[in-house]
Amino acid sequence: MNDKQRKFKYIMMVIGIVGVLGTVIPNLLSTEYAAAEKTVICLSYLVGIPLIVSIVYGIGKKILKG
């Protein structure tokens, strides 16, 4: 893995972690939703965000390889 790919990998990991923490934690702390609604929202974010980040990472990796 060359330097560009390594930097891209680290950036995508940070975006994924910030995305999960930035959406799940506030929803867990929100008092306007019932527990079942919080569960559905958090699970969908925990599955959806890493999936999107991995797709973008795969596309970016192919672009960087040329």
N, C-alpha and C. Protein backbone atom coordinates (compact mmCIF):
# COMPACT_ATOMS: atom_id res chain seq x y z
N MET A 1 0.86 -1.18 0.00
CA MET A 1 0.00 0.00 0.00
C MET A 1 0.90 1.24 0.00
N ASN A 2 0.68 2.12 -0.96
CA ASN A 2 1.52 3.30 -1.02
C ASN A 2 1.01 4.37 -0.04
N ASP A 3 1.72 5.48 0.01
CA ASP A 3 1.44 6.52 1.00
C ASP A 3 0.06 7.15 0.81
N LYS A 4 -0.34 7.37 -0.45
CA LYS A 4 -1.66 7.96 -0.72
C LYS A 4 -2.77 7.04 -0.22
N GLN A 5 -2.64 5.76 -0.47
CA GLN A 5 -3.65 4.80 -0.04
C GLN A 5 -3.73 4.71 1.47
N ARG A 6 -2.58 4.76 2.14
CA ARG A 6 -2.55 4.68 3.60
C ARG A 6 -3.23 5.91 4.21
N LYS A 7 -2.94 7.09 3.67
CA LYS A 7 -3.58 8.31 4.17
C LYS A 7 -5.09 8.26 3.92
N PHE A 8 -5.48 7.77 2.74
CA PHE A 8 -6.89 7.67 2.41
C PHE A 8 -7.59 6.71 3.36
N LYS A 9 -6.94 5.59 3.69
CA LYS A 9 -7.51 4.61 4.61
C LYS A 9 -7.72 5.23 5.98
N TYR A 10 -6.75 5.97 6.49
CA TYR A 10 -6.87 6.60 7.80
C TYR A 10 -7.98 7.66 7.81
N ILE A 11 -8.06 8.44 6.74
CA ILE A 11 -9.11 9.45 6.65
C ILE A 11 -10.49 8.80 6.65
N MET A 12 -10.65 7.72 5.90
CA MET A 12 -11.94 7.04 5.84
C MET A 12 -12.30 6.41 7.19
N MET A 13 -11.30 5.90 7.90
CA MET A 13 -11.56 5.33 9.23
C MET A 13 -12.03 6.42 10.18
N VAL A 14 -11.40 7.57 10.15
CA VAL A 14 -11.80 8.68 11.02
C VAL A 14 -13.21 9.15 10.67
N ILE A 15 -13.52 9.26 9.38
CA ILE A 15 -14.87 9.67 8.96
C ILE A 15 -15.90 8.66 9.45
N GLY A 16 -15.59 7.38 9.36
CA GLY A 16 -16.52 6.35 9.83
C GLY A 16 -16.76 6.41 11.32
N ILE A 17 -15.69 6.57 12.09
CA ILE A 17 -15.81 6.63 13.55
C ILE A 17 -16.57 7.87 13.97
N VAL A 18 -16.22 9.02 13.41
CA VAL A 18 -16.93 10.26 13.74
C VAL A 18 -18.39 10.18 13.32
N GLY A 19 -18.65 9.57 12.17
CA GLY A 19 -20.02 9.43 11.69
C GLY A 19 -20.86 8.59 12.63
N VAL A 20 -20.32 7.46 13.08
CA VAL A 20 -21.06 6.60 14.00
C VAL A 20 -21.26 7.28 15.34
N LEU A 21 -20.20 7.82 15.90
CA LEU A 21 -20.31 8.46 17.21
C LEU A 21 -21.17 9.72 17.16
N GLY A 22 -21.09 10.44 16.06
CA GLY A 22 -21.85 11.68 15.92
C GLY A 22 -23.34 11.48 15.70
N THR A 23 -23.73 10.29 15.29
CA THR A 23 -25.16 10.04 15.08
C THR A 23 -25.77 9.15 16.14
N VAL A 24 -25.03 8.19 16.63
CA VAL A 24 -25.58 7.24 17.60
C VAL A 24 -25.67 7.86 18.99
N ILE A 25 -24.62 8.49 19.45
CA ILE A 25 -24.61 9.05 20.81
C ILE A 25 -25.71 10.09 21.01
N PRO A 26 -25.86 11.08 20.12
CA PRO A 26 -26.95 12.04 20.34
C PRO A 26 -28.34 11.39 20.34
N ASN A 27 -28.53 10.37 19.52
CA ASN A 27 -29.83 9.69 19.51
C ASN A 27 -30.06 8.91 20.79
N LEU A 28 -29.02 8.37 21.37
CA LEU A 28 -29.18 7.66 22.64
C LEU A 28 -29.49 8.63 23.78
N LEU A 29 -28.94 9.82 23.71
CA LEU A 29 -29.15 10.80 24.77
C LEU A 29 -30.46 11.57 24.63
N SER A 30 -31.07 11.50 23.47
CA SER A 30 -32.32 12.23 23.22
C SER A 30 -33.45 11.63 24.06
N THR A 31 -34.23 12.50 24.67
CA THR A 31 -35.34 12.03 25.51
C THR A 31 -36.68 12.04 24.79
N GLU A 32 -36.71 12.53 23.56
CA GLU A 32 -37.99 12.63 22.86
C GLU A 32 -38.40 11.34 22.16
N TYR A 33 -37.50 10.35 22.10
CA TYR A 33 -37.82 9.08 21.47
C TYR A 33 -38.01 7.99 22.51
N ALA A 34 -38.88 7.04 22.19
CA ALA A 34 -39.04 5.87 23.05
C ALA A 34 -37.84 4.94 22.86
N ALA A 35 -37.70 3.98 23.76
CA ALA A 35 -36.55 3.08 23.71
C ALA A 35 -36.53 2.27 22.41
N ALA A 36 -37.69 1.83 21.95
CA ALA A 36 -37.73 1.05 20.71
C ALA A 36 -37.31 1.90 19.51
N GLU A 37 -37.73 3.15 19.48
CA GLU A 37 -37.33 4.04 18.38
C GLU A 37 -35.83 4.30 18.42
N LYS A 38 -35.28 4.50 19.62
CA LYS A 38 -33.84 4.71 19.75
C LYS A 38 -33.08 3.49 19.24
N THR A 39 -33.59 2.30 19.55
CA THR A 39 -32.92 1.08 19.12
C THR A 39 -32.89 0.96 17.61
N VAL A 40 -34.01 1.22 16.98
CA VAL A 40 -34.08 1.13 15.52
C VAL A 40 -33.16 2.17 14.87
N ILE A 41 -33.20 3.39 15.37
CA ILE A 41 -32.36 4.45 14.81
C ILE A 41 -30.88 4.11 14.98
N CYS A 42 -30.48 3.70 16.17
CA CYS A 42 -29.07 3.41 16.43
C CYS A 42 -28.58 2.21 15.64
N LEU A 43 -29.39 1.17 15.54
CA LEU A 43 -28.97 0.00 14.77
C LEU A 43 -28.85 0.32 13.29
N SER A 44 -29.76 1.11 12.79
CA SER A 44 -29.66 1.47 11.37
C SER A 44 -28.43 2.32 11.10
N TYR A 45 -28.10 3.22 12.03
CA TYR A 45 -26.88 4.01 11.85
C TYR A 45 -25.63 3.15 12.01
N LEU A 46 -25.65 2.21 12.96
CA LEU A 46 -24.48 1.35 13.16
C LEU A 46 -24.22 0.42 11.99
N VAL A 47 -25.25 0.11 11.23
CA VAL A 47 -25.08 -0.73 10.05
C VAL A 47 -24.86 0.13 8.80
N GLY A 48 -25.61 1.21 8.68
CA GLY A 48 -25.59 2.03 7.47
C GLY A 48 -24.32 2.82 7.26
N ILE A 49 -23.85 3.48 8.28
CA ILE A 49 -22.67 4.35 8.13
C ILE A 49 -21.42 3.54 7.77
N PRO A 50 -21.10 2.46 8.49
CA PRO A 50 -19.92 1.68 8.06
C PRO A 50 -20.07 1.10 6.65
N LEU A 51 -21.29 0.74 6.28
CA LEU A 51 -21.52 0.22 4.94
C LEU A 51 -21.22 1.28 3.88
N ILE A 52 -21.70 2.48 4.09
CA ILE A 52 -21.45 3.58 3.14
C ILE A 52 -19.97 3.93 3.10
N VAL A 53 -19.34 3.98 4.28
CA VAL A 53 -17.91 4.31 4.33
C VAL A 53 -17.09 3.24 3.62
N SER A 54 -17.45 1.97 3.81
CA SER A 54 -16.69 0.91 3.14
C SER A 54 -16.88 0.95 1.62
N ILE A 55 -18.07 1.31 1.17
CA ILE A 55 -18.30 1.45 -0.28
C ILE A 55 -17.47 2.60 -0.85
N VAL A 56 -17.49 3.73 -0.16
CA VAL A 56 -16.69 4.88 -0.62
C VAL A 56 -15.21 4.55 -0.57
N TYR A 57 -14.78 3.82 0.45
CA TYR A 57 -13.38 3.42 0.55
C TYR A 57 -12.99 2.51 -0.61
N GLY A 58 -13.85 1.56 -0.95
CA GLY A 58 -13.56 0.67 -2.07
C GLY A 58 -13.45 1.41 -3.38
N ILE A 59 -14.36 2.37 -3.60
CA ILE A 59 -14.31 3.17 -4.82
C ILE A 59 -13.04 4.02 -4.85
N GLY A 60 -12.73 4.66 -3.72
CA GLY A 60 -11.53 5.49 -3.65
C GLY A 60 -10.25 4.69 -3.83
N LYS A 61 -10.24 3.48 -3.30
CA LYS A 61 -9.06 2.62 -3.44
C LYS A 61 -8.83 2.25 -4.90
N LYS A 62 -9.92 1.96 -5.62
CA LYS A 62 -9.79 1.65 -7.04
C LYS A 62 -9.32 2.87 -7.82
N ILE A 63 -9.81 4.04 -7.46
CA ILE A 63 -9.40 5.27 -8.15
C ILE A 63 -7.93 5.57 -7.90
N LEU A 64 -7.48 5.38 -6.65
CA LEU A 64 -6.08 5.66 -6.33
C LEU A 64 -5.12 4.67 -6.98
N LYS A 65 -5.56 3.44 -7.19
CA LYS A 65 -4.70 2.47 -7.87
C LYS A 65 -4.52 2.80 -9.34
N GLY A 66 -5.52 3.47 -9.90
CA GLY A 66 -5.41 3.91 -11.29
C GLY A 66 -5.97 2.92 -12.19
